[in-house]
Amino acid sequence: MTTATRHLGLGHGSAFGERGVAKRLGTLGRHTPLTGRRLLEIGCGDGTYTMRLVDAFAQIEAVDIQQDRLELFRERLAADPAAAQKINVRELSATELDYPDRSFDLVTAIEVVEHIDDLDAALRQVHRVLAPGGRLALTTPNRWFPFETHGFLIRGKRYRPARGPFLPWIVPLHRRLADARSFTARGLSAQLRRAGLEPVAMDYIMPPFDRSGFGRRIRPLTDGIERSPLKFFGMALAVVARRPD
């Protein structure tokens, strides 16, 4: 789905806290090695995920369009000269990547694609810059999760995600009101294939509950659901796709 006329909100991929970061990287890492020669991280934000991957790559290109988040990342790198030698931070849109063809072994986009206005164009760019056999690893909101995970706008007034129960299930309304998209595994797979990328793994992640007292009490239950056939109700999709050889 391309919604060029719709303005999507910006995200903060590290906002869920340490357990959320670990769950996303852990789930993706079970389906593809998060290692290689060159990594492109789309939507790097303040570098929360980048810094956890720095030792696994010879070089990392980290891009985002939010200047304030990039400044936080650069401040972090100023305090870590070893990481700064390997990471190049740039303000750059996913739809306008200016890297040569076949440049990267891995592209990551963690809690990012739901915010990209022209996602089809961005995925074509990812396909172009991936080396043959290279992989795209991403996480994004799952439409079957019954609660909205981003804000939404009604008649000019913004509402917090908690005010939108079951909004993702009412697809036309969600598309009109929500700050970010949500996806089904089938729909996102079709969109990846249109860009020439072959999905090789689809998984689901339940909420990490880093900052919710009630959530921490029910974590054993939700973590169990994550390992069960009911996991398709998870908060996020974790997807790995590959550029064919």
C-alpha atoms as a PDB file:
ATOM      1  CA  MET A   1       0.000   0.000   0.000  1.00  0.00           C
ATOM      2  CA  THR A   2       1.338   3.410  -0.969  1.00  0.00           C
ATOM      3  CA  THR A   3      -0.296   6.441   0.610  1.00  0.00           C
ATOM      4  CA  ALA A   4       1.621   9.307  -0.925  1.00  0.00           C
ATOM      5  CA  THR A   5      -1.029  11.872   0.082  1.00  0.00           C
ATOM      6  CA  ARG A   6      -1.087  10.826   3.718  1.00  0.00           C
ATOM      7  CA  HIS A   7       1.252  12.384   6.250  1.00  0.00           C
ATOM      8  CA  LEU A   8       2.479   9.810   8.731  1.00  0.00           C
ATOM      9  CA  GLY A   9       3.911  10.694  12.108  1.00  0.00           C
ATOM     10  CA  LEU A  10       7.508  10.175  13.180  1.00  0.00           C
ATOM     11  CA  GLY A  11       8.505   7.482  15.625  1.00  0.00           C
ATOM     12  CA  HIS A  12      10.972   6.752  18.405  1.00  0.00           C
ATOM     13  CA  GLY A  13      12.079   3.164  17.936  1.00  0.00           C
ATOM     14  CA  SER A  14      13.849   2.893  21.285  1.00  0.00           C
ATOM     15  CA  ALA A  15      10.960   4.294  23.341  1.00  0.00           C
ATOM     16  CA  PHE A  16       9.937   0.937  24.818  1.00  0.00           C
ATOM     17  CA  GLY A  17      13.070   0.516  26.933  1.00  0.00           C
ATOM     18  CA  GLU A  18      15.787  -2.085  27.223  1.00  0.00           C
ATOM     19  CA  ARG A  19      13.593  -5.181  27.171  1.00  0.00           C
ATOM     20  CA  GLY A  20      11.842  -3.969  24.029  1.00  0.00           C
ATOM     21  CA  VAL A  21      15.171  -3.402  22.296  1.00  0.00           C
ATOM     22  CA  ALA A  22      16.440  -6.829  23.343  1.00  0.00           C
ATOM     23  CA  LYS A  23      13.235  -8.575  22.242  1.00  0.00           C
ATOM     24  CA  ARG A  24      13.355  -7.038  18.777  1.00  0.00           C
ATOM     25  CA  LEU A  25      17.008  -7.789  18.172  1.00  0.00           C
ATOM     26  CA  GLY A  26      16.668 -11.241  19.706  1.00  0.00           C
ATOM     27  CA  THR A  27      13.705 -12.162  17.528  1.00  0.00           C
ATOM     28  CA  LEU A  28      15.342 -10.932  14.329  1.00  0.00           C
ATOM     29  CA  GLY A  29      18.590 -12.637  15.312  1.00  0.00           C
ATOM     30  CA  ARG A  30      16.834 -15.989  15.562  1.00  0.00           C
ATOM     31  CA  HIS A  31      15.917 -15.747  11.898  1.00  0.00           C
ATOM     32  CA  THR A  32      19.029 -14.195  10.348  1.00  0.00           C
ATOM     33  CA  PRO A  33      22.566 -13.450  11.502  1.00  0.00           C
ATOM     34  CA  LEU A  34      22.835  -9.803  12.519  1.00  0.00           C
ATOM     35  CA  THR A  35      26.405  -9.736  11.254  1.00  0.00           C
ATOM     36  CA  GLY A  36      28.216  -8.874   8.050  1.00  0.00           C
ATOM     37  CA  ARG A  37      30.623  -6.532   6.370  1.00  0.00           C
ATOM     38  CA  ARG A  38      28.396  -3.477   5.867  1.00  0.00           C
ATOM     39  CA  LEU A  39      25.124  -2.563   7.584  1.00  0.00           C
ATOM     40  CA  LEU A  40      22.641   0.127   6.590  1.00  0.00           C
ATOM     41  CA  GLU A  41      20.323   1.079   9.443  1.00  0.00           C
ATOM     42  CA  ILE A  42      17.268   2.997   8.277  1.00  0.00           C
ATOM     43  CA  GLY A  43      15.647   5.078  11.006  1.00  0.00           C
ATOM     44  CA  CYS A  44      18.616   4.855  13.356  1.00  0.00           C
ATOM     45  CA  GLY A  45      17.255   7.528  15.710  1.00  0.00           C
ATOM     46  CA  ASP A  46      19.541   8.069  18.690  1.00  0.00           C
ATOM     47  CA  GLY A  47      21.611   4.972  17.896  1.00  0.00           C
ATOM     48  CA  THR A  48      20.059   2.653  20.483  1.00  0.00           C
ATOM     49  CA  TYR A  49      20.024  -0.317  18.098  1.00  0.00           C
ATOM     50  CA  THR A  50      23.122   0.710  16.157  1.00  0.00           C
ATOM     51  CA  MET A  51      25.374   0.625  19.181  1.00  0.00           C
ATOM     52  CA  ARG A  52      24.294  -2.932  19.950  1.00  0.00           C
ATOM     53  CA  LEU A  53      25.303  -4.022  16.459  1.00  0.00           C
ATOM     54  CA  VAL A  54      28.548  -2.091  16.112  1.00  0.00           C
ATOM     55  CA  ASP A  55      30.847  -5.014  16.965  1.00  0.00           C
ATOM     56  CA  ALA A  56      29.192  -7.284  14.379  1.00  0.00           C
ATOM     57  CA  PHE A  57      30.031  -5.167  11.304  1.00  0.00           C
ATOM     58  CA  ALA A  58      33.095  -3.636   9.693  1.00  0.00           C
ATOM     59  CA  GLN A  59      31.152  -0.500   8.784  1.00  0.00           C
ATOM     60  CA  ILE A  60      27.702   0.900   9.507  1.00  0.00           C
ATOM     61  CA  GLU A  61      25.772   3.602   7.684  1.00  0.00           C
ATOM     62  CA  ALA A  62      23.064   4.972  10.003  1.00  0.00           C
ATOM     63  CA  VAL A  63      20.403   7.240   8.492  1.00  0.00           C
ATOM     64  CA  ASP A  64      17.344   9.075   9.755  1.00  0.00           C
ATOM     65  CA  ILE A  65      15.336  12.217   8.960  1.00  0.00           C
ATOM     66  CA  GLN A  66      14.913  13.462  12.540  1.00  0.00           C
ATOM     67  CA  GLN A  67      17.672  15.950  13.257  1.00  0.00           C
ATOM     68  CA  ASP A  68      17.160  15.999  17.012  1.00  0.00           C
ATOM     69  CA  ARG A  69      17.543  12.228  17.269  1.00  0.00           C
ATOM     70  CA  LEU A  70      20.643  12.293  15.086  1.00  0.00           C
ATOM     71  CA  GLU A  71      22.205  14.931  17.313  1.00  0.00           C
ATOM     72  CA  LEU A  72      21.713  12.658  20.316  1.00  0.00           C
ATOM     73  CA  PHE A  73      23.392   9.864  18.357  1.00  0.00           C
ATOM     74  CA  ARG A  74      26.358  12.069  17.441  1.00  0.00           C
ATOM     75  CA  GLU A  75      26.771  13.047  21.087  1.00  0.00           C
ATOM     76  CA  ARG A  76      26.855   9.377  21.990  1.00  0.00           C
ATOM     77  CA  LEU A  77      29.491   8.676  19.355  1.00  0.00           C
ATOM     78  CA  ALA A  78      31.619  11.599  20.545  1.00  0.00           C
ATOM     79  CA  ALA A  79      32.013   9.709  23.810  1.00  0.00           C
ATOM     80  CA  ASP A  80      32.913   6.442  22.051  1.00  0.00           C
ATOM     81  CA  PRO A  81      35.738   7.007  19.525  1.00  0.00           C
ATOM     82  CA  ALA A  82      36.023   3.308  18.646  1.00  0.00           C
ATOM     83  CA  ALA A  83      32.365   3.152  17.593  1.00  0.00           C
ATOM     84  CA  ALA A  84      32.631   6.506  15.818  1.00  0.00           C
ATOM     85  CA  GLN A  85      35.314   5.075  13.512  1.00  0.00           C
ATOM     86  CA  LYS A  86      32.871   2.433  12.271  1.00  0.00           C
ATOM     87  CA  ILE A  87      29.582   4.355  12.167  1.00  0.00           C
ATOM     88  CA  ASN A  88      28.691   7.090   9.692  1.00  0.00           C
ATOM     89  CA  VAL A  89      25.569   9.028  10.734  1.00  0.00           C
ATOM     90  CA  ARG A  90      23.590  10.897   8.085  1.00  0.00           C
ATOM     91  CA  GLU A  91      20.327  12.764   7.666  1.00  0.00           C
ATOM     92  CA  LEU A  92      18.844  10.877   4.736  1.00  0.00           C
ATOM     93  CA  SER A  93      15.428   9.593   3.691  1.00  0.00           C
ATOM     94  CA  ALA A  94      14.824   5.912   2.971  1.00  0.00           C
ATOM     95  CA  THR A  95      13.237   6.888  -0.344  1.00  0.00           C
ATOM     96  CA  GLU A  96      16.328   8.800  -1.478  1.00  0.00           C
ATOM     97  CA  LEU A  97      19.243   6.533  -0.620  1.00  0.00           C
ATOM     98  CA  ASP A  98      22.318   7.675  -2.542  1.00  0.00           C
ATOM     99  CA  TYR A  99      24.525   4.640  -1.938  1.00  0.00           C
ATOM    100  CA  PRO A 100      25.864   2.590  -4.874  1.00  0.00           C
ATOM    101  CA  ASP A 101      24.020  -0.520  -5.984  1.00  0.00           C
ATOM    102  CA  ARG A 102      24.736  -3.718  -4.040  1.00  0.00           C
ATOM    103  CA  SER A 103      26.489  -1.922  -1.177  1.00  0.00           C
ATOM    104  CA  PHE A 104      25.200  -3.697   1.948  1.00  0.00           C
ATOM    105  CA  ASP A 105      24.995  -7.182   3.432  1.00  0.00           C
ATOM    106  CA  LEU A 106      22.176  -6.219   5.789  1.00  0.00           C
ATOM    107  CA  VAL A 107      19.612  -3.432   6.022  1.00  0.00           C
ATOM    108  CA  THR A 108      17.670  -2.969   9.253  1.00  0.00           C
ATOM    109  CA  ALA A 109      14.506  -0.917   9.793  1.00  0.00           C
ATOM    110  CA  ILE A 110      13.276  -1.381  13.350  1.00  0.00           C
ATOM    111  CA  GLU A 111       9.890   0.245  14.022  1.00  0.00           C
ATOM    112  CA  VAL A 112      10.380   2.423  10.926  1.00  0.00           C
ATOM    113  CA  VAL A 113       8.464   1.263   7.841  1.00  0.00           C
ATOM    114  CA  GLU A 114       5.100   2.185   9.375  1.00  0.00           C
ATOM    115  CA  HIS A 115       6.214   5.844   9.249  1.00  0.00           C
ATOM    116  CA  ILE A 116       7.444   5.995   5.630  1.00  0.00           C
ATOM    117  CA  ASP A 117       4.989   7.780   3.340  1.00  0.00           C
ATOM    118  CA  ASP A 118       6.077   6.056   0.112  1.00  0.00           C
ATOM    119  CA  LEU A 119       7.024   2.633   1.389  1.00  0.00           C
ATOM    120  CA  ASP A 120       7.077   1.026  -2.058  1.00  0.00           C
ATOM    121  CA  ALA A 121       9.760   3.494  -3.163  1.00  0.00           C
ATOM    122  CA  ALA A 122      11.768   2.880   0.011  1.00  0.00           C
ATOM    123  CA  LEU A 123      11.657  -0.900  -0.472  1.00  0.00           C
ATOM    124  CA  ARG A 124      12.837  -0.529  -4.053  1.00  0.00           C
ATOM    125  CA  GLN A 125      15.782   1.472  -2.747  1.00  0.00           C
ATOM    126  CA  VAL A 126      16.524  -1.234  -0.179  1.00  0.00           C
ATOM    127  CA  HIS A 127      16.490  -3.846  -2.931  1.00  0.00           C
ATOM    128  CA  ARG A 128      18.880  -1.747  -5.002  1.00  0.00           C
ATOM    129  CA  VAL A 129      21.479  -1.202  -2.266  1.00  0.00           C
ATOM    130  CA  LEU A 130      21.429  -4.792  -0.975  1.00  0.00           C
ATOM    131  CA  ALA A 131      24.034  -7.157  -2.342  1.00  0.00           C
ATOM    132  CA  PRO A 132      22.643 -10.327  -3.962  1.00  0.00           C
ATOM    133  CA  GLY A 133      21.733 -12.606  -1.098  1.00  0.00           C
ATOM    134  CA  GLY A 134      21.664  -9.622   1.267  1.00  0.00           C
ATOM    135  CA  ARG A 135      18.915  -9.351   3.855  1.00  0.00           C
ATOM    136  CA  LEU A 136      16.410  -6.820   5.130  1.00  0.00           C
ATOM    137  CA  ALA A 137      15.447  -7.246   8.807  1.00  0.00           C
ATOM    138  CA  LEU A 138      12.589  -5.167  10.176  1.00  0.00           C
ATOM    139  CA  THR A 139       9.985  -4.908  12.886  1.00  0.00           C
ATOM    140  CA  THR A 140       6.693  -3.050  12.551  1.00  0.00           C
ATOM    141  CA  PRO A 141       3.222  -2.932  14.158  1.00  0.00           C
ATOM    142  CA  ASN A 142       1.056  -5.993  13.646  1.00  0.00           C
ATOM    143  CA  ARG A 143      -2.531  -5.258  12.570  1.00  0.00           C
ATOM    144  CA  TRP A 144      -3.899  -8.179  14.594  1.00  0.00           C
ATOM    145  CA  PHE A 145      -2.723  -6.679  17.882  1.00  0.00           C
ATOM    146  CA  PRO A 146      -5.967  -5.338  19.350  1.00  0.00           C
ATOM    147  CA  PHE A 147      -4.560  -2.049  20.677  1.00  0.00           C
ATOM    148  CA  GLU A 148      -3.239   0.939  18.792  1.00  0.00           C
ATOM    149  CA  THR A 149       0.490   1.442  19.476  1.00  0.00           C
ATOM    150  CA  HIS A 150       0.807   4.988  18.114  1.00  0.00           C
ATOM    151  CA  GLY A 151      -1.167   8.161  18.552  1.00  0.00           C
ATOM    152  CA  PHE A 152      -4.116   9.128  16.388  1.00  0.00           C
ATOM    153  CA  LEU A 153      -5.842  12.352  15.354  1.00  0.00           C
ATOM    154  CA  ILE A 154      -9.577  13.129  15.427  1.00  0.00           C
ATOM    155  CA  ARG A 155     -10.801  16.581  14.312  1.00  0.00           C
ATOM    156  CA  GLY A 156      -7.458  18.149  15.032  1.00  0.00           C
ATOM    157  CA  LYS A 157      -7.110  16.671  18.529  1.00  0.00           C
ATOM    158  CA  ARG A 158      -4.395  14.127  19.190  1.00  0.00           C
ATOM    159  CA  TYR A 159      -5.134  11.093  21.358  1.00  0.00           C
ATOM    160  CA  ARG A 160      -2.759   8.734  23.123  1.00  0.00           C
ATOM    161  CA  PRO A 161      -2.486   5.133  21.866  1.00  0.00           C
ATOM    162  CA  ALA A 162      -4.317   3.752  24.911  1.00  0.00           C
ATOM    163  CA  ARG A 163      -7.439   5.613  23.775  1.00  0.00           C
ATOM    164  CA  GLY A 164      -7.671   3.517  20.608  1.00  0.00           C
ATOM    165  CA  PRO A 165      -8.574  -0.071  21.539  1.00  0.00           C
ATOM    166  CA  PHE A 166      -9.361  -2.211  18.485  1.00  0.00           C
ATOM    167  CA  LEU A 167      -8.616   0.701  16.150  1.00  0.00           C
ATOM    168  CA  PRO A 168      -6.141  -1.405  14.081  1.00  0.00           C
ATOM    169  CA  TRP A 169      -8.932  -3.888  13.344  1.00  0.00           C
ATOM    170  CA  ILE A 170     -11.103  -1.167  11.742  1.00  0.00           C
ATOM    171  CA  VAL A 171      -8.800  -0.790   8.768  1.00  0.00           C
ATOM    172  CA  PRO A 172     -10.362   2.172   6.869  1.00  0.00           C
ATOM    173  CA  LEU A 173     -10.651   4.179  10.095  1.00  0.00           C
ATOM    174  CA  HIS A 174      -7.126   3.289  11.189  1.00  0.00           C
ATOM    175  CA  ARG A 175      -5.698   4.358   7.841  1.00  0.00           C
ATOM    176  CA  ARG A 176      -7.424   7.710   8.140  1.00  0.00           C
ATOM    177  CA  LEU A 177      -6.664   8.508  11.792  1.00  0.00           C
ATOM    178  CA  ALA A 178      -3.497   6.777  12.992  1.00  0.00           C
ATOM    179  CA  ASP A 179      -0.004   8.270  13.029  1.00  0.00           C
ATOM    180  CA  ALA A 180       1.480   5.061  11.666  1.00  0.00           C
ATOM    181  CA  ARG A 181       0.484   2.073   9.590  1.00  0.00           C
ATOM    182  CA  SER A 182       0.026  -1.453  10.813  1.00  0.00           C
ATOM    183  CA  PHE A 183       0.582  -4.549   8.696  1.00  0.00           C
ATOM    184  CA  THR A 184      -0.466  -8.143   8.300  1.00  0.00           C
ATOM    185  CA  ALA A 185       2.120 -10.770   7.450  1.00  0.00           C
ATOM    186  CA  ARG A 186       0.380 -11.478   4.152  1.00  0.00           C
ATOM    187  CA  GLY A 187       0.089  -7.841   3.100  1.00  0.00           C
ATOM    188  CA  LEU A 188       3.655  -6.945   3.998  1.00  0.00           C
ATOM    189  CA  SER A 189       4.972 -10.061   2.243  1.00  0.00           C
ATOM    190  CA  ALA A 190       3.203  -9.008  -0.955  1.00  0.00           C
ATOM    191  CA  GLN A 191       4.649  -5.511  -0.687  1.00  0.00           C
ATOM    192  CA  LEU A 192       8.165  -6.866  -0.210  1.00  0.00           C
ATOM    193  CA  ARG A 193       7.782  -9.143  -3.235  1.00  0.00           C
ATOM    194  CA  ARG A 194       6.676  -6.210  -5.396  1.00  0.00           C
ATOM    195  CA  ALA A 195      10.020  -4.597  -4.579  1.00  0.00           C
ATOM    196  CA  GLY A 196      11.929  -7.750  -5.561  1.00  0.00           C
ATOM    197  CA  LEU A 197      12.564  -8.933  -1.997  1.00  0.00           C
ATOM    198  CA  GLU A 198      11.703 -12.471  -0.963  1.00  0.00           C
ATOM    199  CA  PRO A 199      10.331 -12.910   2.607  1.00  0.00           C
ATOM    200  CA  VAL A 200      12.148 -15.739   4.371  1.00  0.00           C
ATOM    201  CA  ALA A 201      10.867 -15.371   7.963  1.00  0.00           C
ATOM    202  CA  MET A 202       7.834 -13.898   9.721  1.00  0.00           C
ATOM    203  CA  ASP A 203       7.468 -13.846  13.493  1.00  0.00           C
ATOM    204  CA  TYR A 204       5.555 -11.971  16.186  1.00  0.00           C
ATOM    205  CA  ILE A 205       6.613 -10.078  19.301  1.00  0.00           C
ATOM    206  CA  MET A 206       4.401  -9.511  22.321  1.00  0.00           C
ATOM    207  CA  PRO A 207       4.671  -6.238  24.267  1.00  0.00           C
ATOM    208  CA  PRO A 208       7.879  -5.954  26.316  1.00  0.00           C
ATOM    209  CA  PHE A 209       6.145  -4.172  29.233  1.00  0.00           C
ATOM    210  CA  ASP A 210       9.247  -2.250  30.236  1.00  0.00           C
ATOM    211  CA  ARG A 211       7.329   0.562  31.904  1.00  0.00           C
ATOM    212  CA  SER A 212       4.010  -0.902  32.991  1.00  0.00           C
ATOM    213  CA  GLY A 213       3.538  -2.329  36.457  1.00  0.00           C
ATOM    214  CA  PHE A 214       0.453  -4.238  35.373  1.00  0.00           C
ATOM    215  CA  GLY A 215       2.275  -5.388  32.243  1.00  0.00           C
ATOM    216  CA  ARG A 216       5.163  -6.775  34.260  1.00  0.00           C
ATOM    217  CA  ARG A 217       2.712  -8.855  36.275  1.00  0.00           C
ATOM    218  CA  ILE A 218       1.211 -10.459  33.162  1.00  0.00           C
ATOM    219  CA  ARG A 219       4.512 -10.897  31.284  1.00  0.00           C
ATOM    220  CA  PRO A 220       4.664 -14.651  31.970  1.00  0.00           C
ATOM    221  CA  LEU A 221       1.284 -14.964  30.243  1.00  0.00           C
ATOM    222  CA  THR A 222       2.141 -12.792  27.246  1.00  0.00           C
ATOM    223  CA  ASP A 223       5.561 -14.389  26.854  1.00  0.00           C
ATOM    224  CA  GLY A 224       3.812 -17.757  26.804  1.00  0.00           C
ATOM    225  CA  ILE A 225       1.431 -16.529  24.108  1.00  0.00           C
ATOM    226  CA  GLU A 226       4.478 -15.453  22.102  1.00  0.00           C
ATOM    227  CA  ARG A 227       5.545 -19.108  21.991  1.00  0.00           C
ATOM    228  CA  SER A 228       2.073 -20.413  21.136  1.00  0.00           C
ATOM    229  CA  PRO A 229      -0.166 -20.530  18.026  1.00  0.00           C
ATOM    230  CA  LEU A 230      -1.813 -17.355  19.350  1.00  0.00           C
ATOM    231  CA  LYS A 231       1.359 -15.369  18.770  1.00  0.00           C
ATOM    232  CA  PHE A 232      -0.165 -13.801  15.637  1.00  0.00           C
ATOM    233  CA  PHE A 233      -1.912 -11.406  18.072  1.00  0.00           C
ATOM    234  CA  GLY A 234       1.528 -10.014  18.971  1.00  0.00           C
ATOM    235  CA  MET A 235       2.215  -6.304  19.103  1.00  0.00           C
ATOM    236  CA  ALA A 236       4.826  -6.353  16.345  1.00  0.00           C
ATOM    237  CA  LEU A 237       5.781  -8.270  13.255  1.00  0.00           C
ATOM    238  CA  ALA A 238       9.415  -9.313  12.876  1.00  0.00           C
ATOM    239  CA  VAL A 239      10.302  -9.879   9.235  1.00  0.00           C
ATOM    240  CA  VAL A 240      13.381 -10.992   7.324  1.00  0.00           C
ATOM    241  CA  ALA A 241      13.474 -10.696   3.535  1.00  0.00           C
ATOM    242  CA  ARG A 242      16.248 -11.465   1.100  1.00  0.00           C
ATOM    243  CA  ARG A 243      17.389 -10.055  -2.206  1.00  0.00           C
ATOM    244  CA  PRO A 244      17.643 -13.117  -4.479  1.00  0.00           C
ATOM    245  CA  ASP A 245      21.084 -14.041  -5.800  1.00  0.00           C
END
